[in-house]
Structure formats: structure tokens, C-alpha cells
């Protein structure tokens, strides 16, 4: 490239000497050509006839969608474990009357799937609701660690010390205060029962225990 620029500079100087003997029109054209050549050299730009090879555009790597977390063994994608463990018949018995269709949700993460099933009574005086959140891990040890971690934080979250509840699953505790949830560990599944009576002043633990007993009777 430097050799080419040197040759162009020499040619430009020759053109300048020839300008003096050219007619006026040709002189103006030649002067413009010289000016453009010198300007290109001064700016370090390649002049005509000298093209730098442009690098090829970067290749775009094909992206694959992130794999969906695997369901625990024996579970199907359309399964709602919470509604299998807490049936509509159970809800009718627990709430003392007809219930509306369940409100459900499911959320999957690595190694764990969470299902929610909630029934609301048709009667509204008082309105009653029972909700089960069932969290199932692929490994029972992971379920136990998650349960124990939440138990350790229970008082800071609910404002009350957790109360141990005997006779349910492998272990269970009641988180009162602002939470009012019954937590039960059963193998690879952590069951959370809540909302069996609406409003302050109602006994929440007794109906939650009754609900947990029915839920565990359906758990394999």
C-alpha cells in the first residue's frame, strides 16, 4: 500500500508540472485531480485503484431455546398434583358447602415443580377458602433442605415462632402471625396448606390440620 501511495504522489507531482502548459479548462481539471489525490494521501485513505479487503461480517450463531426443566419422575406435563391431593369433594367437606371451580397454577424450576390449587366457597358469609401449594422435588434431600431453610426463617417472616405440629407427614409446623400456613414435609414433597377461614379471629390451625390429613391420605 505504501508503494502505491508513493507512486500516486509522484504522479501527482508530474501532473502539477504539466498543469503549467495545459489550457485553462484542462488545467482546472488537472488541478482538481491533484488536489483530490493529495487530500486522500494526507488523510491516509486509499486512492482509486487501491482497495483494502474488508473482513467478512461476523457469523451469527444460532441460538437454541433453553430446555424446559424436567418434571419429577412419574409426573405428566398436564398434571396438577395439588388438585389431585386436594379434591373438590374434600373442599366441599372442609368448607361446609358447595365450592367454585378451583383456581390453579403451575411453576417449574430446576429439580422442582410447584402446583397450586385453591377452592373458594360459594357462600360469602363468611367467605371460606382452602389452598394447597404442593412442591415436589426430584430428590427428597432437596425437599428437606428447602423445608428446613424456610422453617429457620419462619419467625422473621411471620412475626411469630413456628409451632411444631405432630402427627402429620415426616414433620410439620404451623407458621402463624401474618402467614397462617401449615407446612408439612412428606418424602420428596413439601405441602403448604393455607386460607381455610377468612378474616381475623378465626381458628386457622384446626381446619388446616383437617385439610392436611385429607391431603396426605391421597399422597402416594
C-alpha atoms as a PDB file:
ATOM      1  CA  UNK A   1       0.000   0.000   0.000  1.00  0.00           C
ATOM      2  CA  UNK A   2       2.873   2.422   0.819  1.00  0.00           C
ATOM      3  CA  UNK A   3       4.456   1.727  -2.606  1.00  0.00           C
ATOM      4  CA  UNK A   4       1.168   2.518  -4.314  1.00  0.00           C
ATOM      5  CA  UNK A   5       0.795   5.768  -2.350  1.00  0.00           C
ATOM      6  CA  UNK A   6       4.376   6.768  -3.288  1.00  0.00           C
ATOM      7  CA  UNK A   7       3.690   6.148  -6.956  1.00  0.00           C
ATOM      8  CA  UNK A   8       0.499   8.200  -6.715  1.00  0.00           C
ATOM      9  CA  UNK A   9       2.378  11.043  -5.058  1.00  0.00           C
ATOM     10  CA  UNK A  10       4.987  11.023  -7.852  1.00  0.00           C
ATOM     11  CA  UNK A  11       2.220  11.005 -10.444  1.00  0.00           C
ATOM     12  CA  UNK A  12       0.589  13.942  -8.675  1.00  0.00           C
ATOM     13  CA  UNK A  13       3.828  15.942  -8.790  1.00  0.00           C
ATOM     14  CA  UNK A  14       4.224  15.194 -12.504  1.00  0.00           C
ATOM     15  CA  UNK A  15       0.676  16.323 -13.073  1.00  0.00           C
ATOM     16  CA  UNK A  16       1.386  19.588 -11.257  1.00  0.00           C
ATOM     17  CA  UNK A  17       4.344  20.271 -13.568  1.00  0.00           C
ATOM     18  CA  UNK A  18       2.183  19.557 -16.572  1.00  0.00           C
ATOM     19  CA  UNK A  19      -0.513  21.905 -15.369  1.00  0.00           C
ATOM     20  CA  UNK A  20       1.548  24.946 -16.337  1.00  0.00           C
ATOM     21  CA  UNK A  21       1.457  24.006 -20.076  1.00  0.00           C
ATOM     22  CA  UNK A  22      -2.228  22.949 -20.324  1.00  0.00           C
ATOM     23  CA  UNK A  23      -5.099  25.134 -21.494  1.00  0.00           C
ATOM     24  CA  UNK A  24      -7.259  26.728 -18.860  1.00  0.00           C
ATOM     25  CA  UNK A  25     -10.021  24.086 -18.801  1.00  0.00           C
ATOM     26  CA  UNK A  26      -7.627  21.177 -18.739  1.00  0.00           C
ATOM     27  CA  UNK A  27      -5.589  22.993 -16.117  1.00  0.00           C
ATOM     28  CA  UNK A  28      -8.619  23.295 -13.812  1.00  0.00           C
ATOM     29  CA  UNK A  29      -9.454  19.627 -14.231  1.00  0.00           C
ATOM     30  CA  UNK A  30      -5.908  18.544 -13.597  1.00  0.00           C
ATOM     31  CA  UNK A  31      -5.644  20.780 -10.557  1.00  0.00           C
ATOM     32  CA  UNK A  32      -8.782  19.248  -9.089  1.00  0.00           C
ATOM     33  CA  UNK A  33      -7.401  15.752  -9.681  1.00  0.00           C
ATOM     34  CA  UNK A  34      -4.150  16.650  -7.966  1.00  0.00           C
ATOM     35  CA  UNK A  35      -5.982  18.212  -5.032  1.00  0.00           C
ATOM     36  CA  UNK A  36      -8.139  15.129  -4.553  1.00  0.00           C
ATOM     37  CA  UNK A  37      -5.146  12.801  -4.764  1.00  0.00           C
ATOM     38  CA  UNK A  38      -3.125  14.792  -2.245  1.00  0.00           C
ATOM     39  CA  UNK A  39      -6.118  15.079   0.101  1.00  0.00           C
ATOM     40  CA  UNK A  40      -6.596  11.317   0.012  1.00  0.00           C
ATOM     41  CA  UNK A  41      -2.916  10.752   0.752  1.00  0.00           C
ATOM     42  CA  UNK A  42      -2.952  13.242   3.622  1.00  0.00           C
ATOM     43  CA  UNK A  43      -5.998  11.590   5.186  1.00  0.00           C
ATOM     44  CA  UNK A  44      -4.410   8.162   4.869  1.00  0.00           C
ATOM     45  CA  UNK A  45      -7.286   6.959   2.650  1.00  0.00           C
ATOM     46  CA  UNK A  46      -6.736   4.532  -0.210  1.00  0.00           C
ATOM     47  CA  UNK A  47      -6.852   6.243  -3.569  1.00  0.00           C
ATOM     48  CA  UNK A  48      -8.629   4.910  -6.626  1.00  0.00           C
ATOM     49  CA  UNK A  49      -7.308   1.548  -7.694  1.00  0.00           C
ATOM     50  CA  UNK A  50      -6.204   0.580  -4.172  1.00  0.00           C
ATOM     51  CA  UNK A  51      -8.912  -1.233  -2.262  1.00  0.00           C
ATOM     52  CA  UNK A  52      -8.493  -2.769   1.141  1.00  0.00           C
ATOM     53  CA  UNK A  53     -10.073  -6.156   1.570  1.00  0.00           C
ATOM     54  CA  UNK A  54     -12.948  -5.853   4.021  1.00  0.00           C
ATOM     55  CA  UNK A  55     -13.212  -8.520   6.701  1.00  0.00           C
ATOM     56  CA  UNK A  56     -16.223 -10.816   6.356  1.00  0.00           C
ATOM     57  CA  UNK A  57     -19.214  -9.982   8.561  1.00  0.00           C
ATOM     58  CA  UNK A  58     -19.294 -11.860  11.856  1.00  0.00           C
ATOM     59  CA  UNK A  59     -21.190 -15.089  11.776  1.00  0.00           C
ATOM     60  CA  UNK A  60     -24.376 -15.161  13.763  1.00  0.00           C
ATOM     61  CA  UNK A  61     -24.547 -18.197  15.961  1.00  0.00           C
ATOM     62  CA  UNK A  62     -27.866 -19.967  16.021  1.00  0.00           C
ATOM     63  CA  UNK A  63     -29.482 -19.811  19.441  1.00  0.00           C
ATOM     64  CA  UNK A  64     -31.445 -22.684  20.874  1.00  0.00           C
ATOM     65  CA  UNK A  65     -34.318 -22.192  23.292  1.00  0.00           C
ATOM     66  CA  UNK A  66     -33.492 -23.027  26.882  1.00  0.00           C
ATOM     67  CA  UNK A  67     -34.577 -26.544  27.786  1.00  0.00           C
ATOM     68  CA  UNK A  68     -37.657 -26.824  29.970  1.00  0.00           C
ATOM     69  CA  UNK A  69     -36.950 -28.105  33.481  1.00  0.00           C
ATOM     70  CA  UNK A  70     -37.561 -31.825  33.773  1.00  0.00           C
ATOM     71  CA  UNK A  71     -40.614 -32.954  35.688  1.00  0.00           C
ATOM     72  CA  UNK A  72     -40.138 -35.277  38.646  1.00  0.00           C
ATOM     73  CA  UNK A  73     -40.341 -38.964  37.839  1.00  0.00           C
ATOM     74  CA  UNK A  74     -43.835 -40.217  37.088  1.00  0.00           C
ATOM     75  CA  UNK A  75     -45.338 -36.753  36.540  1.00  0.00           C
ATOM     76  CA  UNK A  76     -47.031 -35.625  33.310  1.00  0.00           C
ATOM     77  CA  UNK A  77     -46.944 -32.094  31.935  1.00  0.00           C
ATOM     78  CA  UNK A  78     -50.730 -31.688  32.320  1.00  0.00           C
ATOM     79  CA  UNK A  79     -50.787 -32.950  35.905  1.00  0.00           C
ATOM     80  CA  UNK A  80     -51.778 -30.680  38.778  1.00  0.00           C
ATOM     81  CA  UNK A  81     -50.593 -32.560  41.815  1.00  0.00           C
ATOM     82  CA  UNK A  82     -52.200 -30.092  44.220  1.00  0.00           C
ATOM     83  CA  UNK A  83     -55.691 -30.720  42.808  1.00  0.00           C
ATOM     84  CA  UNK A  84     -55.085 -34.470  42.910  1.00  0.00           C
ATOM     85  CA  UNK A  85     -54.231 -34.251  46.607  1.00  0.00           C
ATOM     86  CA  UNK A  86     -56.930 -31.702  47.470  1.00  0.00           C
ATOM     87  CA  UNK A  87     -60.045 -32.741  45.573  1.00  0.00           C
ATOM     88  CA  UNK A  88     -63.255 -30.792  45.077  1.00  0.00           C
ATOM     89  CA  UNK A  89     -65.084 -33.289  47.319  1.00  0.00           C
ATOM     90  CA  UNK A  90     -62.537 -32.652  50.057  1.00  0.00           C
ATOM     91  CA  UNK A  91     -63.009 -28.913  49.669  1.00  0.00           C
ATOM     92  CA  UNK A  92     -66.797 -29.221  49.964  1.00  0.00           C
ATOM     93  CA  UNK A  93     -66.389 -31.164  53.214  1.00  0.00           C
ATOM     94  CA  UNK A  94     -63.736 -28.860  54.611  1.00  0.00           C
ATOM     95  CA  UNK A  95     -65.555 -25.633  53.770  1.00  0.00           C
ATOM     96  CA  UNK A  96     -69.004 -26.897  54.697  1.00  0.00           C
ATOM     97  CA  UNK A  97     -70.775 -26.362  51.388  1.00  0.00           C
ATOM     98  CA  UNK A  98     -70.506 -26.009  47.613  1.00  0.00           C
ATOM     99  CA  UNK A  99     -67.319 -24.551  46.182  1.00  0.00           C
ATOM    100  CA  UNK A 100     -66.451 -22.711  42.995  1.00  0.00           C
ATOM    101  CA  UNK A 101     -64.194 -24.284  40.333  1.00  0.00           C
ATOM    102  CA  UNK A 102     -60.584 -24.388  41.546  1.00  0.00           C
ATOM    103  CA  UNK A 103     -58.048 -21.694  40.766  1.00  0.00           C
ATOM    104  CA  UNK A 104     -54.849 -23.404  39.688  1.00  0.00           C
ATOM    105  CA  UNK A 105     -51.299 -22.624  38.657  1.00  0.00           C
ATOM    106  CA  UNK A 106     -48.071 -24.476  37.990  1.00  0.00           C
ATOM    107  CA  UNK A 107     -44.447 -23.358  38.001  1.00  0.00           C
ATOM    108  CA  UNK A 108     -41.394 -25.441  37.128  1.00  0.00           C
ATOM    109  CA  UNK A 109     -37.804 -24.817  38.117  1.00  0.00           C
ATOM    110  CA  UNK A 110     -34.652 -26.915  38.016  1.00  0.00           C
ATOM    111  CA  UNK A 111     -35.349 -30.056  40.007  1.00  0.00           C
ATOM    112  CA  UNK A 112     -38.703 -28.910  41.438  1.00  0.00           C
ATOM    113  CA  UNK A 113     -42.268 -28.310  40.278  1.00  0.00           C
ATOM    114  CA  UNK A 114     -44.851 -26.310  42.246  1.00  0.00           C
ATOM    115  CA  UNK A 115     -48.618 -26.721  41.822  1.00  0.00           C
ATOM    116  CA  UNK A 116     -51.302 -24.580  43.432  1.00  0.00           C
ATOM    117  CA  UNK A 117     -54.970 -25.486  43.846  1.00  0.00           C
ATOM    118  CA  UNK A 118     -57.407 -23.146  45.607  1.00  0.00           C
ATOM    119  CA  UNK A 119     -61.140 -23.591  46.304  1.00  0.00           C
ATOM    120  CA  UNK A 120     -63.460 -20.758  47.339  1.00  0.00           C
ATOM    121  CA  UNK A 121     -66.831 -21.383  48.936  1.00  0.00           C
ATOM    122  CA  UNK A 122     -69.930 -20.269  47.063  1.00  0.00           C
ATOM    123  CA  UNK A 123     -71.285 -18.846  50.303  1.00  0.00           C
ATOM    124  CA  UNK A 124     -69.844 -15.466  51.187  1.00  0.00           C
ATOM    125  CA  UNK A 125     -70.904 -15.035  54.832  1.00  0.00           C
ATOM    126  CA  UNK A 126     -68.264 -15.783  55.783  1.00  0.00           C
ATOM    127  CA  UNK A 127     -66.215 -16.467  52.682  1.00  0.00           C
ATOM    128  CA  UNK A 128     -64.027 -19.519  53.162  1.00  0.00           C
ATOM    129  CA  UNK A 129     -61.128 -20.755  51.114  1.00  0.00           C
ATOM    130  CA  UNK A 130     -58.682 -23.636  51.231  1.00  0.00           C
ATOM    131  CA  UNK A 131     -55.463 -23.621  49.253  1.00  0.00           C
ATOM    132  CA  UNK A 132     -52.756 -26.207  48.745  1.00  0.00           C
ATOM    133  CA  UNK A 133     -49.312 -25.457  47.363  1.00  0.00           C
ATOM    134  CA  UNK A 134     -47.537 -28.724  46.584  1.00  0.00           C
ATOM    135  CA  UNK A 135     -43.824 -28.513  45.798  1.00  0.00           C
ATOM    136  CA  UNK A 136     -42.297 -31.759  44.542  1.00  0.00           C
ATOM    137  CA  UNK A 137     -38.529 -32.261  44.135  1.00  0.00           C
ATOM    138  CA  UNK A 138     -36.672 -34.877  42.172  1.00  0.00           C
ATOM    139  CA  UNK A 139     -34.682 -35.677  45.301  1.00  0.00           C
ATOM    140  CA  UNK A 140     -36.120 -35.990  48.815  1.00  0.00           C
ATOM    141  CA  UNK A 141     -32.971 -34.422  50.302  1.00  0.00           C
ATOM    142  CA  UNK A 142     -33.615 -31.247  48.301  1.00  0.00           C
ATOM    143  CA  UNK A 143     -37.182 -31.080  49.617  1.00  0.00           C
ATOM    144  CA  UNK A 144     -35.936 -31.468  53.183  1.00  0.00           C
ATOM    145  CA  UNK A 145     -33.306 -28.737  52.799  1.00  0.00           C
ATOM    146  CA  UNK A 146     -35.868 -26.302  51.345  1.00  0.00           C
ATOM    147  CA  UNK A 147     -38.308 -27.089  54.154  1.00  0.00           C
ATOM    148  CA  UNK A 148     -35.666 -26.614  56.845  1.00  0.00           C
ATOM    149  CA  UNK A 149     -34.413 -23.362  55.316  1.00  0.00           C
ATOM    150  CA  UNK A 150     -37.925 -21.886  55.340  1.00  0.00           C
ATOM    151  CA  UNK A 151     -38.527 -23.155  58.878  1.00  0.00           C
ATOM    152  CA  UNK A 152     -35.388 -21.302  60.030  1.00  0.00           C
ATOM    153  CA  UNK A 153     -36.705 -18.058  58.501  1.00  0.00           C
ATOM    154  CA  UNK A 154     -40.320 -18.522  59.636  1.00  0.00           C
ATOM    155  CA  UNK A 155     -40.263 -16.222  62.671  1.00  0.00           C
ATOM    156  CA  UNK A 156     -38.625 -13.354  60.777  1.00  0.00           C
ATOM    157  CA  UNK A 157     -41.290 -13.635  58.061  1.00  0.00           C
ATOM    158  CA  UNK A 158     -44.453 -14.267  60.090  1.00  0.00           C
ATOM    159  CA  UNK A 159     -43.554 -12.408  63.282  1.00  0.00           C
ATOM    160  CA  UNK A 160     -44.198 -15.496  65.431  1.00  0.00           C
ATOM    161  CA  UNK A 161     -42.104 -18.501  66.348  1.00  0.00           C
ATOM    162  CA  UNK A 162     -43.078 -21.587  64.322  1.00  0.00           C
ATOM    163  CA  UNK A 163     -45.202 -24.125  66.193  1.00  0.00           C
ATOM    164  CA  UNK A 164     -44.376 -27.804  65.760  1.00  0.00           C
ATOM    165  CA  UNK A 165     -47.375 -29.907  64.714  1.00  0.00           C
ATOM    166  CA  UNK A 166     -47.224 -33.625  65.486  1.00  0.00           C
ATOM    167  CA  UNK A 167     -48.816 -36.472  63.554  1.00  0.00           C
ATOM    168  CA  UNK A 168     -48.541 -35.062  60.015  1.00  0.00           C
ATOM    169  CA  UNK A 169     -46.058 -36.402  57.479  1.00  0.00           C
ATOM    170  CA  UNK A 170     -42.416 -36.713  58.454  1.00  0.00           C
ATOM    171  CA  UNK A 171     -42.538 -33.352  60.201  1.00  0.00           C
ATOM    172  CA  UNK A 172     -44.796 -30.312  60.218  1.00  0.00           C
ATOM    173  CA  UNK A 173     -45.009 -26.812  61.657  1.00  0.00           C
ATOM    174  CA  UNK A 174     -47.542 -24.011  61.811  1.00  0.00           C
ATOM    175  CA  UNK A 175     -46.428 -20.536  60.760  1.00  0.00           C
ATOM    176  CA  UNK A 176     -48.926 -18.140  62.315  1.00  0.00           C
ATOM    177  CA  UNK A 177     -48.804 -14.367  62.508  1.00  0.00           C
ATOM    178  CA  UNK A 178     -49.016 -12.712  59.118  1.00  0.00           C
ATOM    179  CA  UNK A 179     -48.583 -16.016  57.249  1.00  0.00           C
ATOM    180  CA  UNK A 180     -51.044 -18.579  58.705  1.00  0.00           C
ATOM    181  CA  UNK A 181     -49.719 -21.594  56.820  1.00  0.00           C
ATOM    182  CA  UNK A 182     -49.356 -25.246  57.769  1.00  0.00           C
ATOM    183  CA  UNK A 183     -46.148 -26.712  56.347  1.00  0.00           C
ATOM    184  CA  UNK A 184     -45.831 -30.487  56.009  1.00  0.00           C
ATOM    185  CA  UNK A 185     -42.824 -32.437  54.729  1.00  0.00           C
ATOM    186  CA  UNK A 186     -43.642 -35.804  53.182  1.00  0.00           C
ATOM    187  CA  UNK A 187     -40.814 -37.533  51.319  1.00  0.00           C
ATOM    188  CA  UNK A 188     -39.904 -35.520  48.225  1.00  0.00           C
ATOM    189  CA  UNK A 189     -42.935 -33.228  48.605  1.00  0.00           C
ATOM    190  CA  UNK A 190     -43.425 -30.104  50.697  1.00  0.00           C
ATOM    191  CA  UNK A 191     -47.117 -29.351  51.285  1.00  0.00           C
ATOM    192  CA  UNK A 192     -48.323 -25.888  52.303  1.00  0.00           C
ATOM    193  CA  UNK A 193     -51.955 -25.538  53.413  1.00  0.00           C
ATOM    194  CA  UNK A 194     -53.456 -22.100  53.975  1.00  0.00           C
ATOM    195  CA  UNK A 195     -56.533 -19.895  53.950  1.00  0.00           C
ATOM    196  CA  UNK A 196     -59.127 -22.238  55.438  1.00  0.00           C
ATOM    197  CA  UNK A 197     -61.048 -19.364  57.047  1.00  0.00           C
ATOM    198  CA  UNK A 198     -61.140 -15.731  56.023  1.00  0.00           C
ATOM    199  CA  UNK A 199     -60.792 -12.875  58.445  1.00  0.00           C
ATOM    200  CA  UNK A 200     -59.182 -12.225  61.792  1.00  0.00           C
ATOM    201  CA  UNK A 201     -60.317 -14.115  64.870  1.00  0.00           C
ATOM    202  CA  UNK A 202     -60.958 -17.430  63.117  1.00  0.00           C
ATOM    203  CA  UNK A 203     -59.154 -20.588  64.176  1.00  0.00           C
ATOM    204  CA  UNK A 204     -56.847 -21.270  61.254  1.00  0.00           C
ATOM    205  CA  UNK A 205     -54.788 -24.195  62.549  1.00  0.00           C
ATOM    206  CA  UNK A 206     -57.591 -26.693  63.283  1.00  0.00           C
ATOM    207  CA  UNK A 207     -59.143 -26.660  59.776  1.00  0.00           C
ATOM    208  CA  UNK A 208     -55.650 -26.597  58.240  1.00  0.00           C
ATOM    209  CA  UNK A 209     -54.796 -29.805  60.119  1.00  0.00           C
ATOM    210  CA  UNK A 210     -58.022 -31.413  58.886  1.00  0.00           C
ATOM    211  CA  UNK A 211     -57.157 -30.407  55.322  1.00  0.00           C
ATOM    212  CA  UNK A 212     -53.605 -31.738  55.640  1.00  0.00           C
ATOM    213  CA  UNK A 213     -54.904 -35.096  56.884  1.00  0.00           C
ATOM    214  CA  UNK A 214     -57.120 -35.467  53.802  1.00  0.00           C
ATOM    215  CA  UNK A 215     -54.294 -34.344  51.523  1.00  0.00           C
ATOM    216  CA  UNK A 216     -51.877 -36.895  52.973  1.00  0.00           C
ATOM    217  CA  UNK A 217     -54.469 -39.658  52.551  1.00  0.00           C
ATOM    218  CA  UNK A 218     -54.229 -39.123  48.770  1.00  0.00           C
ATOM    219  CA  UNK A 219     -50.442 -38.829  48.675  1.00  0.00           C
ATOM    220  CA  UNK A 220     -48.630 -41.861  47.314  1.00  0.00           C
END
